[in-house]
N, C-alpha and C. Protein backbone atom coordinates (compact mmCIF):
# COMPACT_ATOMS: atom_id res chain seq x y z
N MET A 1 96.56 106.75 122.66
CA MET A 1 95.33 106.71 121.87
C MET A 1 95.59 107.33 120.49
N SER A 2 95.05 106.75 119.48
CA SER A 2 95.25 107.23 118.12
C SER A 2 94.71 108.63 117.96
N SER A 3 95.42 109.44 117.13
CA SER A 3 94.95 110.79 116.80
C SER A 3 94.38 110.83 115.40
N GLY A 4 94.11 109.67 114.82
CA GLY A 4 93.63 109.60 113.45
C GLY A 4 92.13 109.75 113.32
N TYR A 5 91.43 110.06 114.41
CA TYR A 5 89.98 110.23 114.36
C TYR A 5 89.57 111.31 115.33
N GLU A 6 88.41 111.88 115.10
CA GLU A 6 87.86 112.91 115.98
C GLU A 6 86.54 112.44 116.56
N ARG A 7 86.32 112.79 117.80
CA ARG A 7 85.06 112.44 118.45
C ARG A 7 83.91 113.30 117.92
N ARG A 8 82.72 112.73 117.93
CA ARG A 8 81.54 113.53 117.63
C ARG A 8 81.32 114.54 118.75
N THR A 9 81.00 115.76 118.39
CA THR A 9 80.59 116.73 119.39
C THR A 9 79.22 116.35 119.93
N LYS A 10 78.79 116.98 121.00
CA LYS A 10 77.46 116.71 121.54
C LYS A 10 76.39 117.00 120.49
N GLN A 11 76.61 118.06 119.71
CA GLN A 11 75.63 118.42 118.68
C GLN A 11 75.62 117.36 117.57
N GLN A 12 76.78 116.90 117.17
CA GLN A 12 76.84 115.86 116.13
C GLN A 12 76.24 114.55 116.62
N LEU A 13 76.45 114.25 117.90
CA LEU A 13 75.87 113.04 118.47
C LEU A 13 74.35 113.13 118.50
N ALA A 14 73.84 114.29 118.90
CA ALA A 14 72.39 114.48 118.91
C ALA A 14 71.81 114.36 117.51
N GLN A 15 72.52 114.90 116.52
CA GLN A 15 72.07 114.80 115.13
C GLN A 15 72.07 113.35 114.66
N ARG A 16 73.09 112.60 115.09
CA ARG A 16 73.17 111.17 114.70
C ARG A 16 71.99 110.40 115.26
N VAL A 17 71.62 110.65 116.51
CA VAL A 17 70.46 109.97 117.10
C VAL A 17 69.20 110.35 116.34
N ALA A 18 69.05 111.63 116.04
CA ALA A 18 67.84 112.12 115.36
C ALA A 18 67.67 111.44 114.00
N GLU A 19 68.78 111.11 113.33
CA GLU A 19 68.70 110.47 112.01
C GLU A 19 67.96 109.13 112.05
N ASP A 20 67.99 108.45 113.18
CA ASP A 20 67.39 107.12 113.26
C ASP A 20 65.96 107.12 113.79
N ILE A 21 65.46 108.26 114.19
CA ILE A 21 64.08 108.34 114.67
C ILE A 21 63.14 108.38 113.47
N PHE A 22 62.19 107.49 113.44
CA PHE A 22 61.33 107.36 112.25
C PHE A 22 60.11 108.27 112.31
N ASP A 23 59.59 108.57 111.16
CA ASP A 23 58.41 109.42 111.04
C ASP A 23 57.23 108.77 111.75
N GLY A 24 56.52 109.55 112.56
CA GLY A 24 55.36 109.05 113.28
C GLY A 24 55.68 108.49 114.66
N ALA A 25 56.94 108.54 115.07
CA ALA A 25 57.34 107.94 116.35
C ALA A 25 56.91 108.80 117.54
N TYR A 26 56.58 108.11 118.64
CA TYR A 26 56.37 108.75 119.94
C TYR A 26 57.66 108.52 120.74
N VAL A 27 58.31 109.62 121.15
CA VAL A 27 59.67 109.53 121.68
C VAL A 27 59.79 110.30 122.98
N ASN A 28 60.45 109.69 123.96
CA ASN A 28 60.82 110.40 125.19
C ASN A 28 62.32 110.65 125.17
N LEU A 29 62.72 111.89 125.42
CA LEU A 29 64.12 112.26 125.49
C LEU A 29 64.49 112.49 126.95
N GLY A 30 65.43 111.69 127.46
CA GLY A 30 65.80 111.76 128.86
C GLY A 30 66.55 113.02 129.21
N ILE A 31 66.77 113.22 130.51
CA ILE A 31 67.46 114.39 131.03
C ILE A 31 68.92 114.37 130.58
N GLY A 32 69.46 115.56 130.31
CA GLY A 32 70.86 115.68 129.91
C GLY A 32 71.01 115.77 128.41
N MET A 33 72.05 115.14 127.87
CA MET A 33 72.33 115.21 126.43
C MET A 33 71.15 114.81 125.56
N PRO A 34 70.35 113.79 125.93
CA PRO A 34 69.26 113.40 125.03
C PRO A 34 68.29 114.53 124.68
N THR A 35 68.15 115.54 125.55
CA THR A 35 67.22 116.63 125.24
C THR A 35 67.64 117.38 123.99
N MET A 36 68.92 117.33 123.63
CA MET A 36 69.41 118.05 122.46
C MET A 36 68.88 117.46 121.16
N VAL A 37 68.45 116.21 121.19
CA VAL A 37 67.97 115.54 119.97
C VAL A 37 66.78 116.30 119.37
N ALA A 38 65.98 116.92 120.22
CA ALA A 38 64.80 117.65 119.74
C ALA A 38 65.17 118.74 118.74
N ASN A 39 66.36 119.29 118.86
CA ASN A 39 66.77 120.39 117.98
C ASN A 39 67.22 119.92 116.60
N TYR A 40 67.30 118.59 116.38
CA TYR A 40 67.82 118.06 115.12
C TYR A 40 66.81 117.19 114.37
N LEU A 41 65.58 117.13 114.84
CA LEU A 41 64.55 116.40 114.11
C LEU A 41 64.13 117.20 112.88
N ARG A 42 63.99 116.53 111.76
CA ARG A 42 63.63 117.23 110.53
C ARG A 42 62.23 117.85 110.65
N ALA A 43 62.10 119.03 110.09
CA ALA A 43 60.84 119.76 110.16
C ALA A 43 59.72 119.05 109.43
N ASP A 44 60.07 118.22 108.43
CA ASP A 44 59.04 117.54 107.64
C ASP A 44 58.60 116.22 108.27
N MET A 45 59.14 115.90 109.46
CA MET A 45 58.77 114.66 110.13
C MET A 45 57.71 114.91 111.19
N ASP A 46 56.84 113.93 111.36
CA ASP A 46 55.79 114.01 112.37
C ASP A 46 56.21 113.13 113.55
N VAL A 47 57.03 113.70 114.44
CA VAL A 47 57.51 113.00 115.63
C VAL A 47 56.92 113.68 116.86
N LEU A 48 56.28 112.90 117.73
CA LEU A 48 55.68 113.45 118.94
C LEU A 48 56.61 113.18 120.12
N LEU A 49 57.13 114.26 120.69
CA LEU A 49 58.03 114.14 121.83
C LEU A 49 57.25 114.19 123.13
N HIS A 50 57.57 113.26 124.01
CA HIS A 50 56.91 113.11 125.31
C HIS A 50 57.89 113.49 126.41
N SER A 51 57.37 114.15 127.44
CA SER A 51 58.18 114.46 128.62
C SER A 51 57.46 113.91 129.84
N GLU A 52 58.21 113.24 130.74
CA GLU A 52 57.58 112.53 131.84
C GLU A 52 56.86 113.45 132.82
N ASN A 53 57.18 114.75 132.80
CA ASN A 53 56.46 115.66 133.70
C ASN A 53 55.10 116.08 133.15
N GLY A 54 54.70 115.54 131.99
CA GLY A 54 53.34 115.73 131.51
C GLY A 54 53.18 116.55 130.25
N LEU A 55 54.00 116.27 129.24
CA LEU A 55 53.89 116.96 127.95
C LEU A 55 53.91 115.95 126.82
N LEU A 56 53.12 116.22 125.79
CA LEU A 56 53.17 115.45 124.55
C LEU A 56 53.05 116.45 123.40
N GLY A 57 53.95 116.32 122.44
CA GLY A 57 54.00 117.30 121.37
C GLY A 57 54.96 118.42 121.68
N MET A 58 56.03 118.08 122.41
CA MET A 58 57.04 119.06 122.80
C MET A 58 57.89 119.44 121.61
N GLY A 59 58.22 120.73 121.50
CA GLY A 59 59.06 121.20 120.41
C GLY A 59 60.50 121.41 120.85
N SER A 60 61.25 122.10 120.03
CA SER A 60 62.66 122.36 120.34
C SER A 60 62.78 123.47 121.37
N ALA A 61 64.00 123.77 121.75
CA ALA A 61 64.24 124.85 122.71
C ALA A 61 63.80 126.19 122.10
N PRO A 62 63.26 127.10 122.92
CA PRO A 62 62.83 128.40 122.38
C PRO A 62 64.02 129.29 122.08
N PRO A 63 63.82 130.29 121.23
CA PRO A 63 64.90 131.27 121.00
C PRO A 63 65.26 131.99 122.29
N GLU A 64 66.50 132.41 122.38
CA GLU A 64 66.95 133.13 123.57
C GLU A 64 66.10 134.37 123.79
N GLY A 65 65.64 134.54 125.01
CA GLY A 65 64.80 135.68 125.35
C GLY A 65 63.32 135.38 125.29
N GLU A 66 62.95 134.20 124.73
CA GLU A 66 61.54 133.83 124.61
C GLU A 66 61.19 132.63 125.49
N GLU A 67 62.04 132.35 126.48
CA GLU A 67 61.80 131.22 127.37
C GLU A 67 60.57 131.46 128.26
N ASP A 68 59.80 130.41 128.45
CA ASP A 68 58.65 130.43 129.37
C ASP A 68 58.90 129.32 130.38
N TYR A 69 59.22 129.71 131.62
CA TYR A 69 59.60 128.70 132.61
C TYR A 69 58.39 128.01 133.24
N ASP A 70 57.21 128.29 132.73
CA ASP A 70 56.05 127.45 133.03
C ASP A 70 55.94 126.30 132.02
N LEU A 71 56.78 126.34 131.00
CA LEU A 71 56.78 125.30 129.97
C LEU A 71 58.19 124.70 129.92
N ILE A 72 58.38 123.62 130.67
CA ILE A 72 59.70 123.02 130.81
C ILE A 72 59.62 121.51 130.61
N ASN A 73 60.78 120.91 130.30
CA ASN A 73 60.84 119.46 130.20
C ASN A 73 61.21 118.85 131.55
N ALA A 74 61.44 117.56 131.59
CA ALA A 74 61.72 116.88 132.85
C ALA A 74 63.04 117.33 133.48
N GLY A 75 63.92 117.90 132.67
CA GLY A 75 65.18 118.43 133.19
C GLY A 75 65.10 119.89 133.57
N LYS A 76 63.86 120.44 133.58
CA LYS A 76 63.59 121.83 133.97
C LYS A 76 64.18 122.84 132.98
N GLN A 77 64.36 122.40 131.74
CA GLN A 77 64.81 123.29 130.68
C GLN A 77 63.60 123.83 129.92
N PRO A 78 63.59 125.10 129.55
CA PRO A 78 62.47 125.64 128.79
C PRO A 78 62.36 124.99 127.42
N VAL A 79 61.13 124.69 127.01
CA VAL A 79 60.87 124.07 125.72
C VAL A 79 59.71 124.80 125.06
N THR A 80 59.37 124.37 123.86
CA THR A 80 58.19 124.89 123.17
C THR A 80 57.16 123.77 123.04
N LEU A 81 55.94 124.13 122.72
CA LEU A 81 54.88 123.15 122.50
C LEU A 81 54.36 123.33 121.08
N LEU A 82 54.34 122.25 120.32
CA LEU A 82 53.90 122.31 118.94
C LEU A 82 52.37 122.42 118.88
N PRO A 83 51.84 122.91 117.76
CA PRO A 83 50.37 122.94 117.61
C PRO A 83 49.78 121.56 117.82
N GLY A 84 48.74 121.47 118.65
CA GLY A 84 48.13 120.19 118.97
C GLY A 84 48.75 119.51 120.17
N GLY A 85 49.82 120.08 120.72
CA GLY A 85 50.47 119.52 121.89
C GLY A 85 49.57 119.59 123.11
N ALA A 86 49.90 118.80 124.13
CA ALA A 86 49.01 118.70 125.30
C ALA A 86 49.80 118.65 126.60
N TYR A 87 49.17 119.18 127.66
CA TYR A 87 49.65 119.04 129.04
C TYR A 87 48.74 118.04 129.74
N PHE A 88 49.28 117.29 130.68
CA PHE A 88 48.44 116.35 131.42
C PHE A 88 49.10 115.99 132.75
N HIS A 89 48.35 115.27 133.58
CA HIS A 89 48.81 114.90 134.92
C HIS A 89 50.01 113.97 134.85
N HIS A 90 50.86 114.07 135.86
CA HIS A 90 52.04 113.22 135.97
C HIS A 90 51.66 111.73 135.92
N ALA A 91 50.56 111.37 136.56
CA ALA A 91 50.13 109.98 136.57
C ALA A 91 49.77 109.49 135.17
N ASP A 92 49.14 110.35 134.37
CA ASP A 92 48.82 109.98 132.99
C ASP A 92 50.10 109.80 132.18
N SER A 93 51.10 110.64 132.45
CA SER A 93 52.37 110.53 131.75
C SER A 93 53.04 109.18 132.04
N PHE A 94 53.00 108.76 133.31
CA PHE A 94 53.63 107.49 133.65
C PHE A 94 52.82 106.30 133.12
N THR A 95 51.52 106.48 132.96
CA THR A 95 50.71 105.43 132.33
C THR A 95 51.15 105.23 130.89
N MET A 96 51.43 106.32 130.20
CA MET A 96 51.94 106.22 128.83
C MET A 96 53.28 105.48 128.81
N MET A 97 54.15 105.82 129.75
CA MET A 97 55.49 105.23 129.80
C MET A 97 55.42 103.74 130.12
N ARG A 98 54.60 103.38 131.09
CA ARG A 98 54.55 101.99 131.55
C ARG A 98 53.71 101.10 130.64
N GLY A 99 52.82 101.72 129.87
CA GLY A 99 51.87 100.95 129.08
C GLY A 99 52.34 100.58 127.68
N GLY A 100 53.59 100.87 127.35
CA GLY A 100 54.10 100.51 126.03
C GLY A 100 53.66 101.45 124.93
N HIS A 101 53.32 102.70 125.28
CA HIS A 101 52.81 103.64 124.28
C HIS A 101 53.92 104.48 123.64
N LEU A 102 55.14 104.37 124.14
CA LEU A 102 56.26 105.11 123.56
C LEU A 102 57.06 104.19 122.65
N ASP A 103 57.37 104.66 121.46
CA ASP A 103 58.17 103.85 120.54
C ASP A 103 59.63 103.81 120.95
N ILE A 104 60.15 104.96 121.38
CA ILE A 104 61.57 105.08 121.68
C ILE A 104 61.77 105.95 122.90
N CYS A 105 62.68 105.57 123.78
CA CYS A 105 63.19 106.51 124.77
C CYS A 105 64.70 106.60 124.59
N VAL A 106 65.22 107.80 124.76
CA VAL A 106 66.66 108.04 124.63
C VAL A 106 67.16 108.47 126.00
N LEU A 107 68.05 107.69 126.59
CA LEU A 107 68.54 107.94 127.94
C LEU A 107 70.05 108.12 127.95
N GLY A 108 70.54 108.84 128.94
CA GLY A 108 71.96 108.85 129.24
C GLY A 108 72.27 107.65 130.12
N ALA A 109 73.56 107.37 130.34
CA ALA A 109 73.91 106.22 131.17
C ALA A 109 75.31 106.37 131.75
N PHE A 110 75.49 105.77 132.92
CA PHE A 110 76.83 105.62 133.50
C PHE A 110 77.51 104.37 132.94
N GLN A 111 76.71 103.32 132.74
CA GLN A 111 77.23 102.07 132.17
C GLN A 111 76.12 101.38 131.39
N VAL A 112 76.53 100.66 130.34
CA VAL A 112 75.63 99.77 129.61
C VAL A 112 76.38 98.47 129.38
N SER A 113 75.72 97.35 129.61
CA SER A 113 76.37 96.06 129.37
C SER A 113 76.19 95.66 127.91
N ALA A 114 77.04 94.74 127.47
CA ALA A 114 76.99 94.27 126.08
C ALA A 114 75.65 93.63 125.74
N THR A 115 74.95 93.11 126.75
CA THR A 115 73.65 92.47 126.51
C THR A 115 72.47 93.40 126.77
N GLY A 116 72.74 94.70 127.00
CA GLY A 116 71.66 95.68 127.06
C GLY A 116 71.17 96.07 128.43
N ASP A 117 71.86 95.68 129.52
CA ASP A 117 71.51 96.20 130.84
C ASP A 117 71.96 97.65 130.92
N ILE A 118 71.23 98.47 131.67
CA ILE A 118 71.59 99.88 131.80
C ILE A 118 71.64 100.29 133.26
N ALA A 119 72.64 101.08 133.60
CA ALA A 119 72.77 101.69 134.92
C ALA A 119 72.93 103.19 134.69
N ASN A 120 71.92 103.96 135.06
CA ASN A 120 71.99 105.40 134.74
C ASN A 120 71.49 106.32 135.84
N TRP A 121 71.32 105.78 137.07
CA TRP A 121 70.76 106.69 138.08
C TRP A 121 71.66 106.91 139.28
N SER A 122 72.63 106.04 139.53
CA SER A 122 73.48 106.20 140.70
C SER A 122 74.82 105.51 140.51
N THR A 123 75.88 106.18 140.96
CA THR A 123 77.20 105.56 141.01
C THR A 123 77.54 105.15 142.44
N GLY A 124 76.61 105.38 143.35
CA GLY A 124 76.84 105.05 144.75
C GLY A 124 77.63 106.08 145.52
N GLU A 125 77.97 107.19 144.86
CA GLU A 125 78.74 108.23 145.53
C GLU A 125 77.87 108.99 146.53
N GLU A 126 78.51 109.53 147.54
CA GLU A 126 77.79 110.32 148.55
C GLU A 126 77.15 111.53 147.89
N GLY A 127 75.90 111.79 148.24
CA GLY A 127 75.18 112.92 147.67
C GLY A 127 74.48 112.60 146.37
N ALA A 128 74.55 111.34 145.91
CA ALA A 128 73.86 110.95 144.68
C ALA A 128 72.35 111.01 144.88
N ILE A 129 71.60 111.10 143.79
CA ILE A 129 70.15 111.14 143.90
C ILE A 129 69.66 109.87 144.62
N PRO A 130 68.60 109.98 145.41
CA PRO A 130 68.22 108.87 146.28
C PRO A 130 67.41 107.75 145.63
N ALA A 131 66.90 107.95 144.41
CA ALA A 131 66.04 106.93 143.81
C ALA A 131 66.14 106.99 142.30
N VAL A 132 65.69 105.92 141.65
CA VAL A 132 65.84 105.78 140.22
C VAL A 132 64.93 106.72 139.43
N GLY A 133 63.81 107.13 139.97
CA GLY A 133 62.92 108.03 139.25
C GLY A 133 62.26 107.39 138.05
N GLY A 134 61.95 108.19 137.04
CA GLY A 134 61.21 107.68 135.88
C GLY A 134 62.03 106.89 134.89
N ALA A 135 63.35 106.86 135.05
CA ALA A 135 64.20 106.16 134.08
C ALA A 135 63.86 104.68 134.01
N MET A 136 63.53 104.07 135.16
CA MET A 136 63.19 102.65 135.18
C MET A 136 61.92 102.40 134.36
N ASP A 137 60.93 103.26 134.51
CA ASP A 137 59.68 103.11 133.77
C ASP A 137 59.90 103.27 132.27
N LEU A 138 60.75 104.22 131.91
CA LEU A 138 61.04 104.43 130.50
C LEU A 138 61.81 103.27 129.90
N ALA A 139 62.86 102.82 130.61
CA ALA A 139 63.71 101.76 130.09
C ALA A 139 62.94 100.48 129.83
N GLN A 140 61.99 100.16 130.69
CA GLN A 140 61.23 98.91 130.54
C GLN A 140 59.93 99.10 129.76
N GLY A 141 59.42 100.33 129.71
CA GLY A 141 58.12 100.54 129.09
C GLY A 141 58.17 100.90 127.61
N ALA A 142 59.23 101.57 127.19
CA ALA A 142 59.34 101.95 125.77
C ALA A 142 59.61 100.72 124.91
N ARG A 143 59.15 100.75 123.68
CA ARG A 143 59.37 99.62 122.78
C ARG A 143 60.85 99.46 122.44
N GLU A 144 61.56 100.58 122.36
CA GLU A 144 63.01 100.54 122.15
C GLU A 144 63.67 101.54 123.09
N THR A 145 64.75 101.11 123.75
CA THR A 145 65.54 102.00 124.59
C THR A 145 66.88 102.24 123.92
N TRP A 146 67.18 103.50 123.67
CA TRP A 146 68.47 103.89 123.12
C TRP A 146 69.24 104.65 124.18
N VAL A 147 70.56 104.53 124.15
CA VAL A 147 71.42 105.26 125.08
C VAL A 147 72.31 106.20 124.29
N MET A 148 72.46 107.40 124.81
CA MET A 148 73.30 108.44 124.21
C MET A 148 74.31 108.87 125.26
N MET A 149 75.61 108.67 124.98
CA MET A 149 76.62 108.97 126.00
C MET A 149 78.00 109.03 125.36
N ASN A 150 78.97 109.57 126.08
CA ASN A 150 80.36 109.43 125.67
C ASN A 150 80.79 107.99 125.93
N LEU A 151 81.66 107.47 125.07
CA LEU A 151 82.09 106.09 125.21
C LEU A 151 82.94 105.88 126.46
N LEU A 152 83.79 106.85 126.79
CA LEU A 152 84.72 106.71 127.90
C LEU A 152 84.42 107.70 129.02
N THR A 153 84.76 107.32 130.24
CA THR A 153 84.67 108.24 131.37
C THR A 153 85.82 109.25 131.28
N ARG A 154 85.82 110.22 132.17
CA ARG A 154 86.91 111.20 132.21
C ARG A 154 88.24 110.53 132.56
N GLN A 155 88.15 109.37 133.20
CA GLN A 155 89.36 108.62 133.56
C GLN A 155 89.79 107.67 132.44
N GLY A 156 89.07 107.68 131.31
CA GLY A 156 89.43 106.86 130.18
C GLY A 156 88.92 105.44 130.24
N GLU A 157 87.98 105.16 131.16
CA GLU A 157 87.41 103.82 131.27
C GLU A 157 86.16 103.70 130.41
N SER A 158 85.96 102.54 129.84
CA SER A 158 84.80 102.33 128.98
C SER A 158 83.51 102.29 129.80
N LYS A 159 82.49 102.96 129.27
CA LYS A 159 81.16 102.87 129.88
C LYS A 159 80.40 101.66 129.36
N LEU A 160 80.92 101.04 128.31
CA LEU A 160 80.39 99.76 127.83
C LEU A 160 81.14 98.66 128.54
N VAL A 161 80.43 97.80 129.22
CA VAL A 161 81.06 96.80 130.08
C VAL A 161 80.42 95.43 129.87
N GLU A 162 81.11 94.42 130.35
CA GLU A 162 80.54 93.08 130.29
C GLU A 162 79.38 92.96 131.26
N ARG A 163 79.54 93.56 132.44
CA ARG A 163 78.49 93.53 133.46
C ARG A 163 78.53 94.84 134.23
N CYS A 164 77.38 95.49 134.39
CA CYS A 164 77.31 96.77 135.08
C CYS A 164 77.71 96.64 136.56
N ALA A 165 78.52 97.58 137.03
CA ALA A 165 78.94 97.59 138.43
C ALA A 165 78.05 98.50 139.27
N TYR A 166 77.28 99.36 138.63
CA TYR A 166 76.41 100.29 139.34
C TYR A 166 75.00 99.73 139.46
N PRO A 167 74.17 100.30 140.36
CA PRO A 167 72.78 99.83 140.48
C PRO A 167 72.05 99.91 139.14
N LEU A 168 71.33 98.85 138.80
CA LEU A 168 70.69 98.76 137.50
C LEU A 168 69.40 99.57 137.42
N THR A 169 69.17 100.10 136.23
CA THR A 169 67.91 100.76 135.90
C THR A 169 66.98 99.80 135.17
N GLY A 170 67.55 98.98 134.29
CA GLY A 170 66.76 98.02 133.53
C GLY A 170 67.64 96.89 133.03
N LEU A 171 67.02 95.74 132.81
CA LEU A 171 67.73 94.54 132.36
C LEU A 171 67.45 94.26 130.89
N GLY A 172 68.49 94.09 130.10
CA GLY A 172 68.35 93.66 128.72
C GLY A 172 67.44 94.51 127.87
N CYS A 173 67.36 95.80 128.17
CA CYS A 173 66.38 96.66 127.48
C CYS A 173 67.00 97.56 126.42
N VAL A 174 68.30 97.79 126.47
CA VAL A 174 68.93 98.72 125.53
C VAL A 174 69.14 98.04 124.18
N LYS A 175 68.67 98.68 123.14
CA LYS A 175 68.84 98.15 121.79
C LYS A 175 70.02 98.79 121.09
N ARG A 176 70.17 100.11 121.25
CA ARG A 176 71.25 100.83 120.56
C ARG A 176 71.97 101.76 121.53
N ILE A 177 73.28 101.94 121.27
CA ILE A 177 74.11 102.85 122.05
C ILE A 177 74.77 103.82 121.09
N TYR A 178 74.50 105.09 121.26
CA TYR A 178 75.07 106.14 120.43
C TYR A 178 76.15 106.86 121.24
N THR A 179 77.38 106.80 120.78
CA THR A 179 78.48 107.42 121.51
C THR A 179 79.23 108.39 120.62
N ASP A 180 80.19 109.09 121.23
CA ASP A 180 80.98 110.06 120.49
C ASP A 180 81.95 109.42 119.51
N LEU A 181 82.14 108.10 119.60
CA LEU A 181 83.05 107.41 118.67
C LEU A 181 82.36 106.41 117.76
N ALA A 182 81.26 105.83 118.21
CA ALA A 182 80.62 104.78 117.42
C ALA A 182 79.18 104.59 117.85
N THR A 183 78.42 103.97 116.97
CA THR A 183 77.07 103.52 117.27
C THR A 183 77.10 102.00 117.29
N LEU A 184 76.50 101.41 118.34
CA LEU A 184 76.54 99.96 118.48
C LEU A 184 75.16 99.43 118.85
N GLU A 185 74.94 98.16 118.53
CA GLU A 185 73.72 97.46 118.93
C GLU A 185 74.04 96.47 120.04
N CYS A 186 73.12 96.32 120.98
CA CYS A 186 73.23 95.30 122.02
C CYS A 186 72.40 94.09 121.62
N SER A 187 72.89 92.92 121.96
CA SER A 187 72.14 91.70 121.69
C SER A 187 72.51 90.65 122.72
N ALA A 188 71.81 89.53 122.70
CA ALA A 188 72.13 88.44 123.62
C ALA A 188 73.52 87.90 123.35
N GLU A 189 74.03 88.10 122.13
CA GLU A 189 75.37 87.63 121.77
C GLU A 189 76.45 88.66 122.03
N GLY A 190 76.05 89.88 122.43
CA GLY A 190 77.02 90.93 122.70
C GLY A 190 76.86 92.12 121.78
N LEU A 191 77.92 92.88 121.58
CA LEU A 191 77.89 94.13 120.84
C LEU A 191 78.10 93.91 119.35
N ARG A 192 77.38 94.70 118.55
CA ARG A 192 77.58 94.71 117.10
C ARG A 192 77.75 96.16 116.65
N LEU A 193 78.71 96.38 115.78
CA LEU A 193 78.98 97.71 115.26
C LEU A 193 77.90 98.14 114.26
N VAL A 194 77.46 99.38 114.38
CA VAL A 194 76.57 99.98 113.38
C VAL A 194 77.35 100.95 112.52
N ASP A 195 78.05 101.89 113.14
CA ASP A 195 78.91 102.82 112.43
C ASP A 195 79.92 103.39 113.41
N MET A 196 80.93 104.08 112.88
CA MET A 196 81.93 104.72 113.73
C MET A 196 82.49 105.93 113.01
N VAL A 197 83.19 106.78 113.75
CA VAL A 197 83.71 108.02 113.17
C VAL A 197 84.81 107.68 112.17
N PRO A 198 84.98 108.50 111.14
CA PRO A 198 86.04 108.27 110.17
C PRO A 198 87.41 108.22 110.85
N GLY A 199 88.25 107.29 110.38
CA GLY A 199 89.59 107.16 110.91
C GLY A 199 89.72 106.16 112.05
N LEU A 200 88.60 105.72 112.60
CA LEU A 200 88.63 104.72 113.67
C LEU A 200 88.34 103.35 113.08
N ASP A 201 89.09 102.33 113.50
CA ASP A 201 88.84 100.98 113.02
C ASP A 201 88.29 100.12 114.15
N ARG A 202 87.71 99.01 113.78
CA ARG A 202 87.03 98.15 114.76
C ARG A 202 87.99 97.60 115.81
N GLU A 203 89.20 97.27 115.40
CA GLU A 203 90.17 96.72 116.35
C GLU A 203 90.51 97.74 117.43
N THR A 204 90.69 99.02 117.03
CA THR A 204 90.98 100.07 118.01
C THR A 204 89.78 100.27 118.92
N LEU A 205 88.59 100.23 118.34
CA LEU A 205 87.37 100.38 119.14
C LEU A 205 87.26 99.26 120.17
N GLU A 206 87.55 98.04 119.76
CA GLU A 206 87.51 96.91 120.70
C GLU A 206 88.52 97.10 121.84
N THR A 207 89.66 97.66 121.52
CA THR A 207 90.67 97.93 122.56
C THR A 207 90.16 98.97 123.55
N LEU A 208 89.52 100.02 123.04
CA LEU A 208 88.98 101.06 123.92
C LEU A 208 87.87 100.52 124.82
N VAL A 209 87.02 99.68 124.24
CA VAL A 209 85.88 99.14 124.98
C VAL A 209 86.30 97.98 125.89
N GLY A 210 87.25 97.18 125.42
CA GLY A 210 87.68 96.02 126.18
C GLY A 210 86.76 94.83 126.02
N LEU A 211 85.95 94.85 124.95
CA LEU A 211 85.01 93.76 124.67
C LEU A 211 85.02 93.47 123.18
N PRO A 212 84.69 92.23 122.78
CA PRO A 212 84.58 91.95 121.34
C PRO A 212 83.38 92.67 120.74
N ILE A 213 83.55 93.12 119.51
CA ILE A 213 82.49 93.83 118.80
C ILE A 213 82.34 93.20 117.43
N ALA A 214 81.18 92.66 117.14
CA ALA A 214 80.94 92.03 115.85
C ALA A 214 80.93 93.09 114.75
N ALA A 215 81.28 92.69 113.55
CA ALA A 215 81.35 93.63 112.43
C ALA A 215 79.97 94.17 112.08
N ALA A 216 79.95 95.33 111.47
CA ALA A 216 78.70 95.94 111.04
C ALA A 216 78.04 95.08 109.96
N ARG A 217 76.73 95.14 109.88
CA ARG A 217 76.00 94.38 108.86
C ARG A 217 76.27 94.92 107.47
N SER A 218 76.61 96.22 107.42
CA SER A 218 76.93 96.86 106.14
C SER A 218 78.37 97.33 106.19
N SER A 219 79.02 97.38 105.04
CA SER A 219 80.40 97.84 104.98
C SER A 219 80.51 99.36 104.99
N VAL A 220 79.37 100.06 104.90
CA VAL A 220 79.39 101.52 104.85
C VAL A 220 79.59 102.07 106.25
N GLN A 221 80.56 102.93 106.44
CA GLN A 221 80.84 103.54 107.73
C GLN A 221 80.47 105.01 107.69
N ALA A 222 79.93 105.53 108.82
CA ALA A 222 79.55 106.93 108.90
C ALA A 222 80.61 107.72 109.64
């Protein structure tokens, strides 16, 4: 593997996702890495963060020592609540998710297909969680589904695939994939490059992924 480029750290990846969230958006941040995005939203933006356990207007993580474990996100991490934020019943939260009221959801994934299928709840291993949970509702209910993940597994295999091998969470729902090496768009025609880390070229990226990747619409690389 080439040493001419560096991977985005988790913090840099979260910041990259935050850059694309628009002012006024209603956003759900999934369990795991996506929760970090809340810490990188600009203070001058009016973004309402939703949590499936019944929060709207969620803020960033509290300072160390000021955690309130009665105020947590869906991943059971302590969070803050912005002025005007609200608590509500789990059923109301899922009504928001299923009813198309969220502009964006950001999810982690085990695999994403080039055409936007997502598998993010089970690898079939013994002891895996028994059901898909709210991810299915988010993936199909949000107006846009984004995925935030490392491009490769620990074994060096691409998480971007032609067809998902794991149980599916949603079909054709992923619009963008944010990884530690590149940002890509999913479409009916396959993957398209949005940006990539300095020092990485599209041909090398295609080799890592094992799939064709159309050129970016703009020549500017991030």
